[in-house]
Amino acid sequence: MKNKKPQLNSIVLMSDAHNFDINEAINPYYIASEVSTTRAEREHQQLQDLLIEEGVNVIQVPSPMGCQDGVYVANWALVRGDTAVIANLPNARKNEEIYAKKILSDLGKEIIHIPDDLRFSGQGDALACGDLLFCGQGYRSDEKAQEIAAEALGYQRIQLKTVPLLDQNHKIISNQLTGWEDSYFYDIDLALAIIKIPTDTKRGLIAYCREAFTPESQAKLENLKGFDKILVDVQEAKNGFATNFISTGRTVIMSANAPKLTRNLRHHGLKVHTLPLNEISKGGGFIRCVALTLDDL
């Protein structure tokens, strides 16, 4: 849990938005409207430029052809040091797995595969914080897959679960394309964010939406030692992608649609940049989703 190098997201992998589309609605956020590739590429470039301006080393690769969600690089794998655990994604994203393996192999990463019968959403559902790994299970990832990944990469899991999407009769809704149970918080990065890593002398800092988690997971987060915690408004989390941001430990780049959280972060002494990603968000992802962390933490 203690770490001598509190810098977060010093190196990230990003693709581009050239192939972005919303033809296959594999999560509740897909909007039944057209996507402007030009606007999506402009938003993506603005984010890249801002990350570079804040000292982040951005490794840029082309998005895979014919992959509408190839912009959401965070789901490709979970990476620590020289090792990458490749994701097992929904059928609509299967081609990204092959591409991710090649890209990460070319970067010198040792590749580890999760068994084919287990779901694993990569970094989207497994947020590293020093030696801790905040994991979300049940929608895009199986707990066993995260156990395998955590053991391979030397993390201690904090296993959590978010609330499902319910119909008017309070029955769980399954996605029509994936067949998997669905949630507005289908990946944990839509409900929780890492802001600062705890060190020998300083507490860590996370932000999370309490209402996004089951009662058991709420209790785990409330009882978590060594961290200060910022509670996120559920409407900002669900409608503004509030927690889906990137922090360097000093600077946060986040949604322009979460003013309460923005004020809270600044109150904690963080520099905050806000961005609207109106096109890219139509696929159910935001700032954290489009960058895969490659830090050796």
Protein backbone atom coordinates (compact mmCIF):
# COMPACT_ATOMS: atom_id res chain seq x y z
CA MET A 1 0.00 0.00 0.00
CA LYS A 2 2.94 2.32 0.63
CA ASN A 3 4.74 3.67 -2.40
CA LYS A 4 7.83 5.78 -2.82
CA LYS A 5 6.74 7.02 -6.24
CA PRO A 6 3.34 8.70 -5.95
CA GLN A 7 3.27 9.93 -9.57
CA LEU A 8 0.17 8.59 -11.32
CA ASN A 9 -0.33 8.17 -15.05
CA SER A 10 3.13 9.34 -16.04
CA ILE A 11 2.92 7.12 -19.15
CA VAL A 12 -0.30 6.26 -20.97
CA LEU A 13 -1.19 4.49 -24.21
CA MET A 14 -3.81 6.11 -26.45
CA SER A 15 -5.18 5.26 -29.88
CA ASP A 16 -7.38 7.63 -31.88
CA ALA A 17 -11.06 8.23 -32.58
CA HIS A 18 -10.86 7.65 -36.33
CA ASN A 19 -12.90 4.41 -36.25
CA PHE A 20 -15.23 5.40 -33.42
CA ASP A 21 -18.91 4.59 -33.90
CA ILE A 22 -21.99 3.46 -31.93
CA ASN A 23 -23.49 0.77 -34.16
CA GLU A 24 -23.48 -1.95 -31.50
CA ALA A 25 -25.10 -0.80 -28.26
CA ILE A 26 -23.22 -2.87 -25.70
CA ASN A 27 -23.89 -0.64 -22.69
CA PRO A 28 -26.73 1.63 -21.45
CA TYR A 29 -25.04 4.86 -22.54
CA TYR A 30 -25.31 4.36 -26.29
CA ILE A 31 -27.35 7.18 -27.77
CA ALA A 32 -29.55 6.53 -30.79
CA SER A 33 -28.02 9.28 -32.88
CA GLU A 34 -25.25 9.74 -35.39
CA VAL A 35 -21.63 10.23 -34.41
CA SER A 36 -19.45 12.94 -35.89
CA THR A 37 -16.03 11.38 -36.40
CA THR A 38 -14.59 14.84 -36.96
CA ARG A 39 -15.83 16.10 -33.60
CA ALA A 40 -14.76 12.90 -31.83
CA GLU A 41 -11.25 13.22 -33.26
CA ARG A 42 -11.12 16.87 -32.23
CA GLU A 43 -12.16 16.01 -28.66
CA HIS A 44 -9.63 13.19 -28.49
CA GLN A 45 -6.80 15.40 -29.76
CA GLN A 46 -7.67 18.09 -27.23
CA LEU A 47 -7.37 15.54 -24.44
CA GLN A 48 -4.04 14.24 -25.75
CA ASP A 49 -2.65 17.76 -25.99
CA LEU A 50 -3.73 18.53 -22.43
CA LEU A 51 -2.16 15.36 -21.05
CA ILE A 52 1.12 16.16 -22.79
CA GLU A 53 0.96 19.74 -21.51
CA GLU A 54 0.67 18.35 -17.97
CA GLY A 55 3.80 16.23 -18.40
CA VAL A 56 2.21 12.88 -19.26
CA ASN A 57 4.15 10.75 -21.75
CA VAL A 58 1.49 9.75 -24.30
CA ILE A 59 2.33 6.77 -26.51
CA GLN A 60 0.10 7.07 -29.55
CA VAL A 61 -0.99 4.18 -31.78
CA PRO A 62 -3.66 3.96 -34.51
CA SER A 63 -7.03 2.57 -33.47
CA PRO A 64 -7.78 -0.90 -34.87
CA MET A 65 -9.71 -0.92 -38.13
CA GLY A 66 -13.37 -1.91 -37.91
CA CYS A 67 -13.48 -1.60 -34.11
CA GLN A 68 -16.03 0.98 -33.01
CA ASP A 69 -14.74 0.96 -29.41
CA GLY A 70 -11.04 0.95 -30.25
CA VAL A 71 -10.75 4.44 -28.79
CA TYR A 72 -11.39 2.97 -25.31
CA VAL A 73 -7.84 1.70 -24.83
CA ALA A 74 -8.20 1.27 -21.07
CA ASN A 75 -10.14 -1.93 -21.69
CA TRP A 76 -7.35 -3.57 -23.68
CA ALA A 77 -5.38 -4.84 -20.70
CA LEU A 78 -4.10 -4.27 -17.20
CA VAL A 79 -0.41 -3.37 -17.26
CA ARG A 80 2.23 -3.16 -14.58
CA GLY A 81 5.89 -2.79 -15.42
CA ASP A 82 6.87 -5.22 -18.15
CA THR A 83 3.74 -7.38 -17.89
CA ALA A 84 0.33 -6.98 -19.51
CA VAL A 85 -2.75 -9.07 -18.75
CA ILE A 86 -4.88 -8.97 -21.90
CA ALA A 87 -8.64 -8.39 -21.60
CA ASN A 88 -11.45 -10.76 -22.55
CA LEU A 89 -14.00 -8.37 -24.04
CA PRO A 90 -17.59 -8.67 -25.32
CA ASN A 91 -17.95 -10.24 -28.77
CA ALA A 92 -18.39 -6.82 -30.39
CA ARG A 93 -14.86 -5.95 -29.21
CA LYS A 94 -13.04 -9.25 -29.77
CA ASN A 95 -10.82 -7.91 -32.57
CA GLU A 96 -9.37 -5.38 -30.14
CA GLU A 97 -7.85 -8.19 -28.08
CA ILE A 98 -5.65 -9.36 -30.97
CA TYR A 99 -4.62 -5.81 -31.74
CA ALA A 100 -3.87 -5.00 -28.09
CA LYS A 101 -1.66 -8.07 -27.78
CA LYS A 102 0.41 -6.97 -30.77
CA ILE A 103 0.71 -3.36 -29.61
CA LEU A 104 1.75 -4.31 -26.07
CA SER A 105 4.11 -7.04 -27.29
CA ASP A 106 5.78 -4.49 -29.56
CA LEU A 107 6.23 -2.27 -26.50
CA GLY A 108 8.16 -5.11 -24.85
CA LYS A 109 5.44 -6.33 -22.50
CA GLU A 110 5.20 -9.96 -21.45
CA ILE A 111 1.66 -11.04 -22.32
CA ILE A 112 -0.56 -13.01 -19.94
CA HIS A 113 -3.96 -14.34 -21.01
CA ILE A 114 -7.02 -14.85 -18.87
CA PRO A 115 -8.88 -18.16 -19.52
CA ASP A 116 -11.35 -17.76 -22.38
CA ASP A 117 -14.38 -18.55 -20.24
CA LEU A 118 -13.76 -15.59 -17.93
CA ARG A 119 -14.69 -11.98 -18.60
CA PHE A 120 -12.00 -9.35 -17.99
CA SER A 121 -12.37 -5.66 -18.83
CA GLY A 122 -8.76 -4.69 -18.23
CA GLN A 123 -8.00 -1.41 -16.52
CA GLY A 124 -11.61 -0.28 -16.96
CA ASP A 125 -12.63 -2.63 -14.16
CA ALA A 126 -9.35 -2.71 -12.23
CA LEU A 127 -7.87 0.58 -11.03
CA ALA A 128 -4.37 0.39 -9.58
CA CYS A 129 -3.31 2.49 -6.62
CA GLY A 130 0.20 1.58 -5.50
CA ASP A 131 -0.02 -2.07 -4.53
CA LEU A 132 -3.80 -1.98 -4.28
CA LEU A 133 -6.18 -2.85 -7.08
CA PHE A 134 -9.78 -1.60 -6.88
CA CYS A 135 -11.80 -4.19 -8.83
CA GLY A 136 -15.38 -4.22 -10.06
CA GLN A 137 -17.07 -7.53 -10.84
CA GLY A 138 -20.27 -8.88 -12.31
CA TYR A 139 -20.85 -7.02 -15.57
CA ARG A 140 -17.67 -6.93 -17.67
CA SER A 141 -15.31 -8.81 -15.35
CA ASP A 142 -15.38 -12.01 -13.30
CA GLU A 143 -13.82 -12.01 -9.85
CA LYS A 144 -11.68 -15.04 -10.76
CA ALA A 145 -10.22 -13.17 -13.74
CA GLN A 146 -9.29 -10.24 -11.53
CA GLU A 147 -7.78 -12.61 -8.99
CA ILE A 148 -5.56 -14.05 -11.73
CA ALA A 149 -4.55 -10.58 -12.96
CA ALA A 150 -3.84 -9.25 -9.48
CA GLU A 151 -1.68 -12.24 -8.58
CA ALA A 152 0.25 -12.01 -11.86
CA LEU A 153 0.96 -8.30 -11.36
CA GLY A 154 1.52 -8.30 -7.60
CA TYR A 155 -1.56 -6.39 -6.49
CA GLN A 156 -3.74 -6.75 -3.41
CA ARG A 157 -7.38 -6.75 -4.53
CA ILE A 158 -10.16 -4.64 -3.08
CA GLN A 159 -13.10 -6.52 -4.59
CA LEU A 160 -16.18 -4.36 -5.15
CA LYS A 161 -19.49 -4.51 -7.01
CA THR A 162 -21.66 -1.76 -8.44
CA VAL A 163 -25.44 -1.75 -8.65
CA PRO A 164 -27.21 -3.25 -11.69
CA LEU A 165 -29.49 -1.61 -14.20
CA LEU A 166 -33.11 -2.32 -13.22
CA ASP A 167 -36.37 -2.19 -15.12
CA GLN A 168 -39.61 -0.67 -13.77
CA ASN A 169 -40.28 -3.89 -11.87
CA HIS A 170 -36.84 -3.72 -10.24
CA LYS A 171 -35.58 -6.71 -12.20
CA ILE A 172 -32.01 -6.74 -13.49
CA ILE A 173 -31.70 -5.85 -17.17
CA SER A 174 -29.36 -7.80 -19.41
CA ASN A 175 -27.82 -6.21 -22.49
CA GLN A 176 -29.45 -7.50 -25.69
CA LEU A 177 -26.14 -7.84 -27.55
CA THR A 178 -23.82 -9.22 -24.89
CA GLY A 179 -26.38 -11.20 -22.91
CA TRP A 180 -24.59 -10.00 -19.77
CA GLU A 181 -26.23 -8.17 -16.88
CA ASP A 182 -25.94 -4.45 -17.39
CA SER A 183 -25.25 -1.38 -15.26
CA TYR A 184 -24.66 2.34 -15.67
CA PHE A 185 -21.48 1.51 -13.74
CA TYR A 186 -20.57 -1.55 -15.79
CA ASP A 187 -16.86 -0.73 -15.36
CA ILE A 188 -15.58 0.49 -12.01
CA ASP A 189 -13.97 3.58 -13.56
CA LEU A 190 -17.50 4.93 -13.97
CA ALA A 191 -18.01 4.84 -10.20
CA LEU A 192 -14.57 5.34 -8.63
CA ALA A 193 -11.37 7.25 -9.37
CA ILE A 194 -7.82 7.16 -8.02
CA ILE A 195 -6.49 10.64 -7.24
CA LYS A 196 -3.42 10.15 -5.04
CA ILE A 197 -1.44 7.09 -3.99
CA PRO A 198 -0.78 6.68 -0.24
CA THR A 199 2.87 6.97 0.79
CA ASP A 200 4.85 6.47 3.99
CA THR A 201 3.93 9.98 5.09
CA LYS A 202 0.72 10.90 3.26
CA ARG A 203 -2.73 9.44 2.92
CA GLY A 204 -4.09 8.48 -0.47
CA LEU A 205 -7.13 10.11 -2.05
CA ILE A 206 -9.99 8.53 -4.00
CA ALA A 207 -13.35 9.75 -5.26
CA TYR A 208 -16.36 7.50 -5.53
CA CYS A 209 -20.12 7.53 -5.91
CA ARG A 210 -21.58 5.79 -2.87
CA GLU A 211 -24.93 5.08 -4.51
CA ALA A 212 -23.18 3.31 -7.40
CA PHE A 213 -22.07 0.46 -5.10
CA THR A 214 -23.88 -2.36 -3.35
CA PRO A 215 -24.24 -2.03 0.45
CA GLU A 216 -21.41 -4.51 1.06
CA SER A 217 -19.07 -2.57 -1.22
CA GLN A 218 -20.13 0.72 0.35
CA ALA A 219 -19.02 -0.65 3.71
CA LYS A 220 -15.67 -1.77 2.30
CA LEU A 221 -14.99 1.69 0.93
CA GLU A 222 -16.15 3.47 4.07
CA ASN A 223 -13.86 1.30 6.21
CA LEU A 224 -10.87 1.59 3.88
CA LYS A 225 -7.83 2.80 5.85
CA GLY A 226 -5.10 5.15 4.67
CA PHE A 227 -7.28 7.18 2.31
CA ASP A 228 -9.19 10.41 2.29
CA LYS A 229 -12.39 10.07 0.27
CA ILE A 230 -14.46 12.41 -1.83
CA LEU A 231 -18.09 11.40 -2.30
CA VAL A 232 -19.45 11.99 -5.80
CA ASP A 233 -23.02 12.98 -6.57
CA VAL A 234 -24.86 10.11 -8.27
CA GLN A 235 -26.27 12.32 -11.02
CA GLU A 236 -22.82 13.67 -11.82
CA ALA A 237 -21.45 10.12 -11.88
CA LYS A 238 -24.22 8.74 -14.07
CA ASN A 239 -24.93 11.68 -16.37
CA GLY A 240 -21.62 13.56 -16.25
CA PHE A 241 -19.03 10.73 -16.17
CA ALA A 242 -17.69 12.48 -13.08
CA THR A 243 -15.27 9.78 -11.84
CA ASN A 244 -14.02 8.83 -15.29
CA PHE A 245 -11.00 11.10 -15.11
CA ILE A 246 -7.21 10.99 -15.17
CA SER A 247 -5.16 12.21 -12.21
CA THR A 248 -1.41 12.71 -12.04
CA GLY A 249 -1.58 13.17 -8.28
CA ARG A 250 -1.34 16.92 -8.74
CA THR A 251 -3.58 17.60 -11.72
CA VAL A 252 -6.97 16.13 -12.65
CA ILE A 253 -8.36 16.17 -16.19
CA MET A 254 -12.06 15.50 -15.95
CA SER A 255 -15.59 16.02 -17.23
CA ALA A 256 -16.94 19.51 -17.73
CA ASN A 257 -20.32 18.17 -16.54
CA ALA A 258 -19.48 17.55 -12.89
CA PRO A 259 -19.26 20.97 -11.16
CA LYS A 260 -19.69 19.63 -7.61
CA LEU A 261 -16.78 17.25 -7.95
CA THR A 262 -14.71 19.91 -9.69
CA ARG A 263 -15.12 22.23 -6.71
CA ASN A 264 -14.31 19.41 -4.29
CA LEU A 265 -11.11 18.50 -6.09
CA ARG A 266 -9.95 22.10 -6.14
CA HIS A 267 -10.75 22.33 -2.43
CA HIS A 268 -8.28 19.47 -1.95
CA GLY A 269 -5.58 21.55 -3.64
CA LEU A 270 -5.64 19.89 -7.03
CA LYS A 271 -5.27 21.66 -10.34
CA VAL A 272 -8.31 20.78 -12.45
CA HIS A 273 -8.89 20.91 -16.20
CA THR A 274 -12.39 20.19 -17.50
CA LEU A 275 -13.27 18.89 -20.95
CA PRO A 276 -16.53 18.10 -22.76
CA LEU A 277 -16.34 14.83 -24.68
CA ASN A 278 -19.82 14.95 -26.14
CA GLU A 279 -19.14 12.61 -29.07
CA ILE A 280 -16.85 10.08 -27.40
CA SER A 281 -19.24 9.78 -24.44
CA LYS A 282 -21.96 8.45 -26.78
CA GLY A 283 -20.26 5.06 -26.58
CA GLY A 284 -20.37 4.96 -22.80
CA GLY A 285 -16.77 5.97 -22.17
CA PHE A 286 -14.96 9.13 -21.19
CA ILE A 287 -11.50 10.43 -20.28
CA ARG A 288 -10.24 7.51 -18.15
CA CYS A 289 -11.52 5.03 -20.75
CA VAL A 290 -9.35 6.33 -23.58
CA ALA A 291 -5.96 5.97 -21.87
CA LEU A 292 -4.25 2.79 -20.65
CA THR A 293 -1.74 3.45 -17.86
CA LEU A 294 1.74 2.00 -18.41
CA ASP A 295 3.37 3.27 -15.17
CA ASP A 296 5.71 0.94 -13.32
CA LEU A 297 4.09 1.44 -9.92
